[in-house]
Every structure is written in C-alpha cells, then in structure tokens.
Protein backbone atom coordinates (compact mmCIF):
# COMPACT_ATOMS: atom_id res chain seq x y z
CA MET A 1 39.41 82.04 42.27
CA ASN A 2 42.42 84.17 41.35
CA ASP A 3 42.40 85.21 37.68
CA ARG A 4 46.20 84.87 37.54
CA VAL A 5 47.60 81.36 37.84
CA ALA A 6 50.96 79.61 37.58
CA ALA A 7 51.88 76.34 35.91
CA VAL A 8 55.21 74.54 36.23
CA ASP A 9 56.30 71.68 33.98
CA ILE A 10 59.18 69.64 35.40
CA GLY A 11 60.48 67.70 32.43
CA THR A 12 63.35 65.33 31.81
CA ASN A 13 65.44 68.08 30.22
CA SER A 14 63.95 71.41 31.25
CA VAL A 15 61.83 73.08 33.92
CA ARG A 16 59.38 75.70 32.68
CA LEU A 17 57.11 78.26 34.28
CA LEU A 18 54.02 79.96 32.89
CA VAL A 19 52.20 82.71 34.75
CA ALA A 20 49.00 83.50 32.88
CA GLU A 21 45.64 85.15 33.31
CA ARG A 22 42.22 85.09 31.74
CA PRO A 23 41.74 86.94 28.45
CA SER A 24 39.64 90.08 28.66
CA GLY A 25 35.99 89.76 27.71
CA ASP A 26 34.56 86.24 27.47
CA PRO A 27 37.00 83.98 29.37
CA SER A 28 35.87 81.00 27.30
CA GLN A 29 37.21 82.60 24.12
CA GLY A 30 40.78 82.71 22.94
CA ALA A 31 44.07 81.64 24.43
CA LEU A 32 45.48 82.68 27.77
CA VAL A 33 47.24 85.98 28.30
CA THR A 34 50.88 85.32 29.18
CA VAL A 35 52.28 87.32 32.08
CA GLU A 36 55.62 85.51 32.34
CA ARG A 37 57.15 82.48 30.65
CA LEU A 38 60.51 81.07 31.76
CA MET A 39 62.59 78.03 30.88
CA ARG A 40 65.71 76.58 32.50
CA ILE A 41 67.50 73.42 31.37
CA THR A 42 68.34 71.35 34.44
CA ARG A 43 68.61 67.84 32.91
CA LEU A 44 66.65 66.20 35.74
CA GLY A 45 66.60 62.93 33.81
CA GLN A 46 70.38 62.69 33.57
CA GLY A 47 71.27 59.00 33.79
CA VAL A 48 67.84 57.90 35.02
CA ASP A 49 67.38 55.52 32.11
CA ALA A 50 70.49 53.60 33.16
CA THR A 51 70.20 53.80 36.95
CA GLY A 52 66.47 54.03 37.54
CA ARG A 53 67.11 56.88 39.99
CA LEU A 54 67.26 60.66 39.85
CA ASP A 55 70.79 61.95 40.35
CA PRO A 56 71.29 64.08 43.52
CA GLU A 57 73.01 66.83 41.53
CA ALA A 58 70.15 66.87 39.02
CA ILE A 59 67.67 67.15 41.88
CA ALA A 60 69.65 70.04 43.34
CA ARG A 61 69.77 71.88 40.00
CA THR A 62 66.04 71.45 39.57
CA THR A 63 65.01 72.49 43.08
CA ALA A 64 67.18 75.61 42.76
CA VAL A 65 65.17 76.61 39.70
CA LEU A 66 61.90 75.83 41.50
CA THR A 67 62.97 78.18 44.32
CA GLU A 68 63.59 80.87 41.71
CA TYR A 69 60.16 80.23 40.18
CA ARG A 70 58.47 80.52 43.59
CA GLU A 71 59.93 84.00 43.94
CA VAL A 72 58.60 84.95 40.48
CA ILE A 73 55.14 83.57 41.29
CA ASP A 74 54.99 85.53 44.53
CA ARG A 75 56.22 88.72 42.89
CA LEU A 76 53.55 88.47 40.19
CA GLY A 77 50.78 87.63 42.63
CA ALA A 78 49.79 84.36 40.98
CA GLY A 79 47.85 81.50 42.50
CA PRO A 80 46.89 78.74 42.50
CA VAL A 81 49.95 76.85 41.29
CA ARG A 82 49.85 73.53 39.46
CA ALA A 83 53.10 71.63 38.94
CA THR A 84 53.56 68.41 37.03
CA ALA A 85 56.40 65.96 36.54
CA THR A 86 56.66 63.72 33.54
CA SER A 87 58.91 61.01 32.10
CA ALA A 88 62.02 61.22 34.31
CA ALA A 89 59.95 61.15 37.50
CA ARG A 90 57.77 58.32 36.20
CA ASP A 91 60.89 56.21 35.69
CA ALA A 92 62.67 57.02 38.96
CA ALA A 93 62.56 54.88 42.09
CA ASN A 94 63.41 57.89 44.29
CA ARG A 95 60.81 60.28 42.87
CA ASP A 96 59.17 60.83 46.29
CA GLU A 97 62.47 62.16 47.59
CA PHE A 98 62.51 64.61 44.69
CA PHE A 99 58.83 65.51 45.15
CA ASP A 100 59.48 66.35 48.82
CA ALA A 101 62.34 68.67 47.83
CA ALA A 102 60.31 70.17 44.98
CA GLU A 103 57.33 70.86 47.25
CA ALA A 104 59.56 72.57 49.79
CA ALA A 105 61.02 74.80 47.08
CA LEU A 106 57.88 75.58 45.10
CA GLY A 107 55.13 75.37 47.70
CA ALA A 108 53.15 72.96 45.53
CA ARG A 109 53.70 69.21 45.25
CA PRO A 110 54.27 68.02 41.69
CA GLU A 111 51.63 65.74 40.22
CA LEU A 112 52.95 62.62 38.49
CA LEU A 113 51.29 62.71 35.09
CA SER A 114 50.63 59.58 33.10
CA GLY A 115 51.64 59.64 29.46
CA LEU A 116 47.94 59.86 28.52
CA GLU A 117 47.35 62.88 30.77
CA GLU A 118 50.51 64.52 29.44
CA GLY A 119 49.29 64.10 25.85
CA GLN A 120 45.82 65.44 26.64
CA LEU A 121 47.15 68.57 28.33
CA SER A 122 49.65 69.17 25.52
CA PHE A 123 46.87 68.89 22.95
CA ALA A 124 44.64 71.33 24.83
CA GLY A 125 47.40 73.90 25.17
CA ALA A 126 48.73 73.58 21.63
CA THR A 127 45.41 73.82 19.81
CA ALA A 128 43.75 76.56 21.89
CA ASP A 129 44.88 79.35 19.58
CA ILE A 130 44.77 77.50 16.24
CA ASP A 131 41.93 77.92 13.77
CA PRO A 132 39.65 74.85 14.24
CA ALA A 133 39.26 74.71 10.46
CA LEU A 134 42.83 73.39 10.32
CA GLY A 135 41.80 70.24 12.23
CA PRO A 136 41.87 67.39 12.79
CA PHE A 137 45.21 67.82 14.52
CA LEU A 138 48.13 65.53 15.24
CA VAL A 139 50.08 67.00 18.16
CA VAL A 140 53.52 65.52 18.88
CA ASP A 141 55.36 66.61 22.02
CA ILE A 142 59.04 65.59 21.84
CA GLY A 143 60.37 65.66 25.38
CA GLY A 144 63.59 64.63 27.03
CA GLY A 145 62.41 61.19 28.10
CA SER A 146 59.15 60.58 26.25
CA THR A 147 57.23 61.66 23.17
CA GLU A 148 53.45 61.98 23.19
CA PHE A 149 51.21 61.58 20.16
CA SER A 150 47.74 63.15 20.47
CA TYR A 151 44.95 63.33 17.93
CA GLY A 152 41.66 65.16 17.81
CA MET A 153 39.53 67.97 16.44
CA ASP A 154 38.26 70.32 19.15
CA HIS A 155 39.48 68.05 21.94
CA CYS A 156 41.96 65.21 22.38
CA GLU A 157 40.29 62.02 21.15
CA ALA A 158 43.29 59.69 21.51
CA SER A 159 46.78 59.91 22.98
CA LEU A 160 49.83 57.68 23.31
CA SER A 161 53.08 58.17 25.19
CA THR A 162 56.23 56.52 23.84
CA ALA A 163 59.60 55.99 25.51
CA MET A 164 61.63 58.10 23.13
CA GLY A 165 63.07 61.49 23.93
CA CYS A 166 66.11 63.61 23.15
CA VAL A 167 67.90 62.88 26.44
CA ARG A 168 66.94 59.20 26.52
CA PHE A 169 68.05 58.63 22.91
CA THR A 170 71.29 60.57 23.37
CA GLU A 171 72.28 58.48 26.39
CA LYS A 172 71.29 55.21 24.72
CA TYR A 173 72.49 55.59 21.15
CA ILE A 174 74.82 58.55 20.59
CA GLU A 175 78.25 58.23 22.17
CA HIS A 176 80.48 60.11 19.72
CA ASP A 177 80.80 63.74 18.70
CA PRO A 178 79.82 64.12 15.96
CA ALA A 179 77.50 61.12 15.94
CA GLN A 180 78.71 58.12 13.98
CA PRO A 181 76.53 56.95 11.06
CA GLU A 182 75.70 53.69 12.83
CA GLU A 183 74.57 55.64 15.92
CA LEU A 184 72.22 57.74 13.82
CA VAL A 185 70.88 54.62 12.11
CA ALA A 186 70.20 53.04 15.51
CA ALA A 187 68.33 56.11 16.80
CA LEU A 188 66.34 56.47 13.58
CA SER A 189 65.46 52.77 13.49
CA VAL A 190 64.19 52.73 17.07
CA ALA A 191 62.23 55.90 16.42
CA GLU A 192 60.62 54.24 13.39
CA ALA A 193 59.40 51.39 15.59
CA TYR A 194 57.85 53.81 18.09
CA VAL A 195 56.14 55.83 15.35
CA ASP A 196 54.77 52.63 13.88
CA ASP A 197 53.43 51.72 17.32
CA ALA A 198 51.66 55.08 17.46
CA ARG A 199 50.14 54.56 14.04
CA ILE A 200 48.80 51.17 15.10
CA ALA A 201 47.48 52.45 18.44
CA ILE A 202 45.86 55.54 16.88
CA PRO A 203 44.95 54.70 13.25
CA GLU A 204 43.35 58.15 12.87
CA LEU A 205 46.80 59.77 12.92
CA VAL A 206 47.00 59.48 9.14
CA GLU A 207 43.80 61.53 8.83
CA ALA A 208 45.29 64.59 10.53
CA LYS A 209 45.11 67.76 8.47
CA THR A 210 47.66 69.67 10.54
CA PHE A 211 50.76 68.35 12.29
CA VAL A 212 51.66 70.46 15.34
CA GLY A 213 55.13 70.01 16.82
CA LEU A 214 55.93 70.90 20.44
CA ALA A 215 58.86 71.33 22.82
CA GLY A 216 62.52 72.26 22.69
CA THR A 217 63.65 70.14 19.75
CA VAL A 218 60.98 71.58 17.47
CA SER A 219 61.55 75.15 18.68
CA ALA A 220 65.30 74.77 18.20
CA ALA A 221 64.81 73.46 14.66
CA ALA A 222 62.69 76.52 13.90
CA ALA A 223 65.22 78.90 15.46
CA VAL A 224 68.10 77.35 13.51
CA GLU A 225 66.14 77.47 10.28
CA LEU A 226 65.37 81.16 10.87
CA GLY A 227 68.91 81.89 12.06
CA LEU A 228 67.69 83.62 15.21
CA ALA A 229 70.56 85.02 17.23
CA THR A 230 68.23 85.47 20.21
CA TYR A 231 65.00 83.68 21.08
CA ASP A 232 61.91 85.33 19.61
CA ARG A 233 58.69 83.58 20.55
CA ASP A 234 56.60 85.63 18.15
CA ARG A 235 58.67 84.51 15.17
CA ILE A 236 58.75 80.85 16.19
CA HIS A 237 55.15 80.37 17.36
CA HIS A 238 53.05 79.07 14.46
CA LEU A 239 55.95 79.07 12.04
CA GLU A 240 55.36 76.39 9.41
CA LEU A 241 58.43 74.27 8.77
CA SER A 242 58.42 72.22 5.58
CA LYS A 243 59.70 68.66 5.54
CA VAL A 244 62.56 69.87 3.33
CA GLU A 245 63.55 72.46 5.93
CA VAL A 246 63.39 69.95 8.80
CA GLU A 247 65.55 67.48 6.84
CA ASP A 248 68.04 70.26 6.08
CA VAL A 249 68.37 71.23 9.74
CA PHE A 250 68.77 67.55 10.66
CA ARG A 251 71.53 66.95 8.09
CA THR A 252 73.39 70.06 9.22
CA LEU A 253 73.28 69.34 12.96
CA ALA A 254 73.83 65.58 12.68
CA THR A 255 77.11 65.97 10.79
CA GLU A 256 78.60 68.63 13.06
CA SER A 257 80.47 68.41 16.33
CA ARG A 258 78.99 70.08 19.38
CA ALA A 259 81.28 73.08 18.93
CA GLU A 260 80.24 73.38 15.28
CA ARG A 261 76.55 73.06 16.15
CA LEU A 262 76.87 76.01 18.50
CA GLU A 263 77.88 78.15 15.53
CA ASN A 264 74.31 77.86 14.27
CA PRO A 265 72.33 80.92 15.42
CA GLY A 266 69.27 79.77 17.35
CA LEU A 267 70.77 76.74 19.09
CA GLU A 268 71.24 77.30 22.81
CA GLU A 269 74.30 75.78 24.41
CA ALA A 270 72.40 73.64 26.93
CA ARG A 271 70.52 71.88 24.14
CA ALA A 272 73.47 71.30 21.80
CA ASP A 273 74.32 67.83 23.12
CA VAL A 274 70.79 66.40 22.78
CA ILE A 275 69.46 68.16 19.67
CA VAL A 276 70.68 65.50 17.22
CA ALA A 277 68.72 62.76 18.97
CA GLY A 278 65.70 65.04 19.11
CA MET A 279 65.96 65.72 15.39
CA CYS A 280 66.15 61.96 14.75
CA ILE A 281 62.70 61.72 16.35
CA LEU A 282 61.25 64.71 14.50
CA VAL A 283 62.39 63.64 11.03
CA THR A 284 61.23 60.07 11.66
CA VAL A 285 57.74 61.25 12.66
CA MET A 286 57.49 63.25 9.45
CA ARG A 287 58.97 60.54 7.23
CA ARG A 288 57.01 57.65 8.67
CA LEU A 289 53.65 59.45 8.71
CA GLY A 290 54.12 61.17 5.35
CA LEU A 291 53.88 64.69 6.84
CA GLU A 292 54.92 67.54 4.54
CA SER A 293 55.00 70.33 7.11
CA CYS A 294 55.17 70.99 10.84
CA LEU A 295 53.32 73.84 12.52
CA VAL A 296 55.58 74.91 15.39
CA SER A 297 53.74 75.71 18.61
CA GLU A 298 55.23 77.42 21.63
CA ALA A 299 51.95 76.76 23.46
CA ASP A 300 51.94 73.30 24.99
CA ILE A 301 51.41 71.36 28.22
CA LEU A 302 52.12 74.49 30.28
CA ASP A 303 49.24 76.28 28.61
CA GLY A 304 47.03 73.22 29.13
CA LEU A 305 47.89 73.22 32.83
CA ALA A 306 47.11 76.92 33.20
CA MET A 307 43.82 76.48 31.32
CA SER A 308 42.87 73.69 33.72
CA LEU A 309 43.22 76.13 36.63
CA LEU A 310 41.07 78.78 34.95
C-alpha cells in the first residue's frame, strides 16, 4: 500500500484536504506527517435545513474545489483517497446527485458517515498526538450542520452527534447584523438543550480531564484571541484557551456587525457570517459542562481518515 494517502472531508461549511504519510521509524508511533493541508469554504449546506436539498450553486462550488484537490493529490503522488461527507449530505434528498458529481471530480466516491462514525474518526485524529496522561478526553467537533461529542481514553468509548452547527444555527436563529439579543438567547437556549442531551447520553462526559475543541469555530476563536493576521497552524494547534478567553471572544464577536468582526485579526471573511452561531455553541458547551479550558486541536476527522488508510 502507498505510504502517502489523501483524505477529503466534505462538510456543511468547508471542504478540506489532507495529504499525509507514515512517520519515520515505527509507523504505529506518533501522529501522521503532513504533506499538504488545504481548506476551502464552499457552504455546501447552504439552505439545506430549510429545503432538504443541496443547492445547485453550492454543489458547483464544492465540485470545483474537489477538482482542484484531485490535481493536488496527483501532483503529490498520493493514494489511496478516502472522502467523506457529513451533516449536509445526510440531510439532503439529492445527495446521490452530489455524490455522482463529487466522484467525477475527485475520482473517489464520498462515503456518507453517520454521526457516530464522524465522532469516532474525529476522536482518533484529535487525540493521536496528545499525551495519554491528559485523558480521559472529551472531544467536541463543531461543524456547520452538526456537532459531535466523543469521549474516551486511548480510543473513543462513546460518541453522539447533535443537530447543531454554525451554519444551521445561523440560518435558523440569527437574522440580523449584528445579532439581536433575543436571537442570541434562542441560539444559546437550543444549544443548552443539545448539550444536556449529550450529558444524558454519555454520562462519562463530566469525568473528562481534557476538553479538546475541533473545527473552524474553535480555530477562529483561537486566532482572534491571539490576534493572528495570517493563519499559523503551529501557534493554534494545542493552544489552551481559558473559559474567560472564550467568553471574551464571544462577547466581542456577538456584539459586532459583520464588517466590524472582520476588523479582528484572525477571522477569515468566509467565516464571519457564521462565527457568532458557532461561538454560541462553544460557550454553551463550556458553561453547561463546567469546563474551564479548551485545548484547540487542528488535527481532527481528516487525520482520523488518513490514519484509517495507513
């Protein structure tokens, strides 16, 4: 089997590529070696919560990025390729139409992951390069259309997918710019109910020693807190954000207009319209579960997918 593989995560908000290879020495030790890591925001899930269908323009944006990724994969000599689709595709009646177009562009047909599978892969990727002594771990992956809660020590012991995400919550609850107080209250209240569901479904969550936060909302919160003018994975990966810092970022972004939010170094333009809803989810997770800090991980489901190929 080729020692260089490619993983593609087709999410509700973004499409990401990881080309990785085995670490030198014992391949069972350590995290993967990253060859290339790319992210494009295509908003595949635009309107799917309301219509139950993927929008043709969103499909076109996404397949264009998949064509680009195929060129990168070929140039880097990677194979095999594993591609997965998550919340937006799960909810869409016309997902097979999208999968046909995606397969033609990428050369690999996306797998439709269940929420459980998504959580397990996210846990595997996120914890691979964390000291096991910091476990047990609670891994929370805040996506565009769903948020996964996963718990375990050296492997994922329990996982739950919930129907809250930064795109889904923005389309459902936040209509004004800046968000009105009642809109924030609605998003926070619904998030509370989902977090409570997770706590009931996985009682062990409260025993977690380390809370690991994944995906664009968490990374953006870290970048804004650091004031990063340009993305720097090394500074964000494994940064520990305190609850006070997360609350401060939330208060700042939630009271600003989109134009004002873009003045914050670290917030990319394509994420500016959904970051407030994402932060509603992040602060609610920390408040409701009594978490005092969040370990930011830039390793996630992509890394789990690549590990599964190696």
